[in-house]
Amino acid sequence: TETIMDLLREYLNAIGVKNLGELLKLQTHSLESIINQVASILDFSIIEKQSLLEMDILQERYERVLALLRERLFAIRIAQNVKFVPEDPSLN
C-alpha cells in the first residue's frame, strides 16, 4: 500500500526536487500535520484546497490527498512519455 510519504517522495522526484531533507523531517509529524503540509505546499487548486479544509474526517482528507497526488503523478508520467517534435508536427 502506498503511503502519503511514498507518493510525496515520488511526486517530488518526478518534478525534479532533489533535496528531500525537508521531506524526511515531515515524517516525524502527525498524520494530520503531514496531510495539511502536503495540501498547502502542492499545486492543488484553490477549490481542491478549500475542499480539503472542509473535510472534518481525517481519513477522508487523507484519501483525497492521496488521490490528488496520484492524479498529479499520472499526469506527469503521461507528459514524460509525450514526445514533441516541432520540426514535424505530423510525428506527434
N, C-alpha and C. Protein backbone atom coordinates (compact mmCIF):
# COMPACT_ATOMS: atom_id res chain seq x y z
N THR A 1 0.83 -1.18 0.00
CA THR A 1 0.00 0.00 0.00
C THR A 1 0.88 1.25 0.00
N GLU A 2 0.55 2.17 -0.87
CA GLU A 2 1.30 3.42 -0.93
C GLU A 2 0.89 4.31 0.23
N THR A 3 1.87 4.93 0.82
CA THR A 3 1.58 5.90 1.87
C THR A 3 1.69 7.29 1.28
N ILE A 4 1.24 8.26 2.02
CA ILE A 4 1.33 9.64 1.56
C ILE A 4 2.80 10.04 1.38
N MET A 5 3.68 9.53 2.23
CA MET A 5 5.10 9.87 2.12
C MET A 5 5.71 9.23 0.86
N ASP A 6 5.29 8.00 0.54
CA ASP A 6 5.77 7.36 -0.69
C ASP A 6 5.38 8.17 -1.91
N LEU A 7 4.11 8.55 -1.97
CA LEU A 7 3.62 9.32 -3.11
C LEU A 7 4.27 10.70 -3.17
N LEU A 8 4.43 11.33 -2.02
CA LEU A 8 5.05 12.65 -2.00
C LEU A 8 6.49 12.57 -2.48
N ARG A 9 7.22 11.58 -2.03
CA ARG A 9 8.61 11.39 -2.46
C ARG A 9 8.66 11.18 -3.98
N GLU A 10 7.79 10.33 -4.49
CA GLU A 10 7.75 10.06 -5.92
C GLU A 10 7.38 11.32 -6.71
N TYR A 11 6.40 12.06 -6.21
CA TYR A 11 5.98 13.30 -6.86
C TYR A 11 7.12 14.31 -6.91
N LEU A 12 7.76 14.52 -5.78
CA LEU A 12 8.86 15.50 -5.73
C LEU A 12 10.01 15.08 -6.64
N ASN A 13 10.32 13.80 -6.68
CA ASN A 13 11.35 13.32 -7.60
C ASN A 13 10.95 13.56 -9.05
N ALA A 14 9.66 13.32 -9.36
CA ALA A 14 9.17 13.48 -10.72
C ALA A 14 9.24 14.92 -11.20
N ILE A 15 9.07 15.87 -10.28
CA ILE A 15 9.13 17.28 -10.69
C ILE A 15 10.54 17.86 -10.53
N GLY A 16 11.48 17.00 -10.15
CA GLY A 16 12.88 17.42 -10.14
C GLY A 16 13.40 17.97 -8.83
N VAL A 17 12.68 17.78 -7.74
CA VAL A 17 13.17 18.23 -6.45
C VAL A 17 14.19 17.20 -5.96
N LYS A 18 15.41 17.62 -5.80
CA LYS A 18 16.48 16.70 -5.42
C LYS A 18 16.75 16.67 -3.93
N ASN A 19 16.60 17.81 -3.27
CA ASN A 19 16.88 17.89 -1.84
C ASN A 19 15.62 17.52 -1.07
N LEU A 20 15.58 16.31 -0.56
CA LEU A 20 14.39 15.84 0.14
C LEU A 20 14.57 15.88 1.66
N GLY A 21 15.50 16.70 2.13
CA GLY A 21 15.75 16.81 3.57
C GLY A 21 14.53 17.23 4.35
N GLU A 22 13.78 18.19 3.82
CA GLU A 22 12.56 18.65 4.50
C GLU A 22 11.52 17.55 4.55
N LEU A 23 11.50 16.71 3.52
CA LEU A 23 10.56 15.60 3.49
C LEU A 23 10.85 14.63 4.63
N LEU A 24 12.12 14.39 4.90
CA LEU A 24 12.49 13.48 5.99
C LEU A 24 12.03 14.03 7.33
N LYS A 25 12.12 15.35 7.52
CA LYS A 25 11.65 15.97 8.76
C LYS A 25 10.14 15.82 8.90
N LEU A 26 9.43 15.88 7.79
CA LEU A 26 7.98 15.78 7.79
C LEU A 26 7.51 14.42 8.31
N GLN A 27 8.32 13.39 8.12
CA GLN A 27 7.95 12.05 8.54
C GLN A 27 7.74 11.93 10.05
N THR A 28 8.30 12.83 10.81
CA THR A 28 8.17 12.75 12.27
C THR A 28 6.90 13.43 12.78
N HIS A 29 6.15 14.07 11.90
CA HIS A 29 4.93 14.78 12.28
C HIS A 29 3.74 13.82 12.37
N SER A 30 2.67 14.30 12.95
CA SER A 30 1.43 13.50 13.00
C SER A 30 0.86 13.40 11.59
N LEU A 31 0.00 12.42 11.39
CA LEU A 31 -0.63 12.24 10.08
C LEU A 31 -1.40 13.49 9.67
N GLU A 32 -2.13 14.07 10.60
CA GLU A 32 -2.90 15.28 10.28
C GLU A 32 -1.98 16.41 9.84
N SER A 33 -0.87 16.57 10.52
CA SER A 33 0.08 17.61 10.16
C SER A 33 0.67 17.35 8.77
N ILE A 34 1.00 16.12 8.49
CA ILE A 34 1.55 15.75 7.18
C ILE A 34 0.54 16.07 6.08
N ILE A 35 -0.71 15.68 6.28
CA ILE A 35 -1.75 15.94 5.29
C ILE A 35 -1.89 17.43 5.05
N ASN A 36 -1.94 18.20 6.12
CA ASN A 36 -2.08 19.65 5.99
C ASN A 36 -0.89 20.28 5.28
N GLN A 37 0.31 19.83 5.60
CA GLN A 37 1.52 20.34 4.96
C GLN A 37 1.52 20.03 3.46
N VAL A 38 1.21 18.78 3.14
CA VAL A 38 1.19 18.37 1.73
C VAL A 38 0.16 19.20 0.96
N ALA A 39 -1.02 19.35 1.53
CA ALA A 39 -2.08 20.11 0.87
C ALA A 39 -1.68 21.56 0.66
N SER A 40 -0.91 22.11 1.59
CA SER A 40 -0.55 23.52 1.47
C SER A 40 0.59 23.77 0.49
N ILE A 41 1.51 22.83 0.35
CA ILE A 41 2.68 23.09 -0.50
C ILE A 41 2.52 22.65 -1.95
N LEU A 42 1.58 21.75 -2.21
CA LEU A 42 1.46 21.26 -3.57
C LEU A 42 0.57 22.15 -4.41
N ASP A 43 0.61 21.91 -5.71
CA ASP A 43 -0.08 22.78 -6.67
C ASP A 43 -1.55 22.42 -6.83
N PHE A 44 -2.22 22.16 -5.73
CA PHE A 44 -3.65 21.90 -5.78
C PHE A 44 -4.37 23.22 -6.03
N SER A 45 -5.49 23.15 -6.72
CA SER A 45 -6.26 24.37 -6.98
C SER A 45 -6.85 24.90 -5.67
N ILE A 46 -7.27 26.14 -5.71
CA ILE A 46 -7.92 26.75 -4.54
C ILE A 46 -9.15 25.93 -4.15
N ILE A 47 -9.89 25.49 -5.13
CA ILE A 47 -11.10 24.70 -4.86
C ILE A 47 -10.74 23.39 -4.17
N GLU A 48 -9.69 22.73 -4.65
CA GLU A 48 -9.25 21.47 -4.03
C GLU A 48 -8.80 21.71 -2.59
N LYS A 49 -8.03 22.77 -2.38
CA LYS A 49 -7.56 23.08 -1.03
C LYS A 49 -8.71 23.41 -0.10
N GLN A 50 -9.68 24.18 -0.59
CA GLN A 50 -10.84 24.51 0.24
C GLN A 50 -11.64 23.26 0.58
N SER A 51 -11.78 22.38 -0.39
CA SER A 51 -12.49 21.12 -0.17
C SER A 51 -11.81 20.30 0.93
N LEU A 52 -10.49 20.28 0.91
CA LEU A 52 -9.74 19.55 1.95
C LEU A 52 -9.95 20.19 3.32
N LEU A 53 -9.94 21.52 3.37
CA LEU A 53 -10.13 22.21 4.64
C LEU A 53 -11.51 21.92 5.25
N GLU A 54 -12.48 21.71 4.39
CA GLU A 54 -13.84 21.48 4.85
C GLU A 54 -14.10 20.04 5.30
N MET A 55 -13.16 19.15 5.04
CA MET A 55 -13.33 17.75 5.44
C MET A 55 -13.00 17.60 6.92
N ASP A 56 -13.99 17.20 7.70
CA ASP A 56 -13.79 17.05 9.14
C ASP A 56 -13.16 15.71 9.51
N ILE A 57 -13.35 14.71 8.67
CA ILE A 57 -12.86 13.37 8.97
C ILE A 57 -11.47 13.20 8.37
N LEU A 58 -10.50 12.96 9.23
CA LEU A 58 -9.10 12.87 8.81
C LEU A 58 -8.89 11.81 7.74
N GLN A 59 -9.51 10.66 7.88
CA GLN A 59 -9.35 9.57 6.90
C GLN A 59 -9.81 10.01 5.51
N GLU A 60 -10.90 10.76 5.45
CA GLU A 60 -11.39 11.24 4.15
C GLU A 60 -10.39 12.23 3.54
N ARG A 61 -9.87 13.12 4.36
CA ARG A 61 -8.89 14.09 3.89
C ARG A 61 -7.63 13.37 3.40
N TYR A 62 -7.19 12.37 4.16
CA TYR A 62 -6.02 11.57 3.78
C TYR A 62 -6.23 10.91 2.42
N GLU A 63 -7.38 10.27 2.25
CA GLU A 63 -7.66 9.58 0.99
C GLU A 63 -7.75 10.55 -0.18
N ARG A 64 -8.30 11.73 0.06
CA ARG A 64 -8.40 12.73 -1.01
C ARG A 64 -7.02 13.26 -1.39
N VAL A 65 -6.16 13.51 -0.41
CA VAL A 65 -4.79 13.96 -0.72
C VAL A 65 -4.05 12.88 -1.50
N LEU A 66 -4.22 11.62 -1.11
CA LEU A 66 -3.60 10.53 -1.88
C LEU A 66 -4.10 10.52 -3.32
N ALA A 67 -5.40 10.69 -3.49
CA ALA A 67 -5.98 10.70 -4.84
C ALA A 67 -5.42 11.85 -5.67
N LEU A 68 -5.31 13.02 -5.06
CA LEU A 68 -4.77 14.18 -5.77
C LEU A 68 -3.31 13.97 -6.16
N LEU A 69 -2.53 13.39 -5.26
CA LEU A 69 -1.13 13.09 -5.57
C LEU A 69 -1.03 12.08 -6.71
N ARG A 70 -1.88 11.05 -6.66
CA ARG A 70 -1.87 10.05 -7.74
C ARG A 70 -2.23 10.68 -9.08
N GLU A 71 -3.21 11.59 -9.07
CA GLU A 71 -3.60 12.28 -10.31
C GLU A 71 -2.43 13.08 -10.86
N ARG A 72 -1.74 13.80 -9.99
CA ARG A 72 -0.60 14.61 -10.44
C ARG A 72 0.51 13.71 -11.00
N LEU A 73 0.79 12.61 -10.33
CA LEU A 73 1.82 11.69 -10.80
C LEU A 73 1.44 11.08 -12.15
N PHE A 74 0.18 10.73 -12.31
CA PHE A 74 -0.28 10.17 -13.58
C PHE A 74 -0.07 11.18 -14.70
N ALA A 75 -0.45 12.43 -14.46
CA ALA A 75 -0.28 13.48 -15.47
C ALA A 75 1.19 13.68 -15.81
N ILE A 76 2.05 13.65 -14.81
CA ILE A 76 3.49 13.81 -15.05
C ILE A 76 4.02 12.66 -15.89
N ARG A 77 3.61 11.44 -15.56
CA ARG A 77 4.08 10.27 -16.32
C ARG A 77 3.63 10.36 -17.78
N ILE A 78 2.39 10.77 -17.99
CA ILE A 78 1.89 10.92 -19.36
C ILE A 78 2.71 11.97 -20.10
N ALA A 79 2.93 13.11 -19.46
CA ALA A 79 3.69 14.19 -20.09
C ALA A 79 5.11 13.76 -20.41
N GLN A 80 5.71 12.94 -19.57
CA GLN A 80 7.07 12.49 -19.81
C GLN A 80 7.16 11.54 -21.00
N ASN A 81 6.05 10.88 -21.31
CA ASN A 81 6.04 9.93 -22.42
C ASN A 81 5.65 10.57 -23.75
N VAL A 82 5.22 11.81 -23.70
CA VAL A 82 4.84 12.51 -24.93
C VAL A 82 6.08 13.14 -25.53
N LYS A 83 6.29 12.85 -26.78
CA LYS A 83 7.44 13.43 -27.48
C LYS A 83 6.92 14.50 -28.44
N PHE A 84 7.49 15.67 -28.35
CA PHE A 84 7.10 16.77 -29.22
C PHE A 84 8.24 17.06 -30.17
N VAL A 85 7.93 17.00 -31.45
CA VAL A 85 8.93 17.28 -32.48
C VAL A 85 8.43 18.49 -33.26
N PRO A 86 8.87 19.70 -32.88
CA PRO A 86 8.33 20.90 -33.50
C PRO A 86 8.60 21.00 -35.01
N GLU A 87 9.68 20.38 -35.47
CA GLU A 87 10.02 20.48 -36.90
C GLU A 87 9.01 19.73 -37.76
N ASP A 88 8.38 18.69 -37.20
CA ASP A 88 7.43 17.90 -37.99
C ASP A 88 6.24 17.53 -37.11
N PRO A 89 5.22 18.39 -37.05
CA PRO A 89 4.06 18.14 -36.20
C PRO A 89 3.32 16.85 -36.52
N SER A 90 3.49 16.34 -37.72
CA SER A 90 2.80 15.10 -38.09
C SER A 90 3.30 13.91 -37.29
N LEU A 91 4.47 14.04 -36.65
CA LEU A 91 5.02 12.96 -35.85
C LEU A 91 4.45 12.92 -34.44
N ASN A 92 3.71 13.93 -34.06
CA ASN A 92 3.14 13.98 -32.71
C ASN A 92 1.84 13.21 -32.65
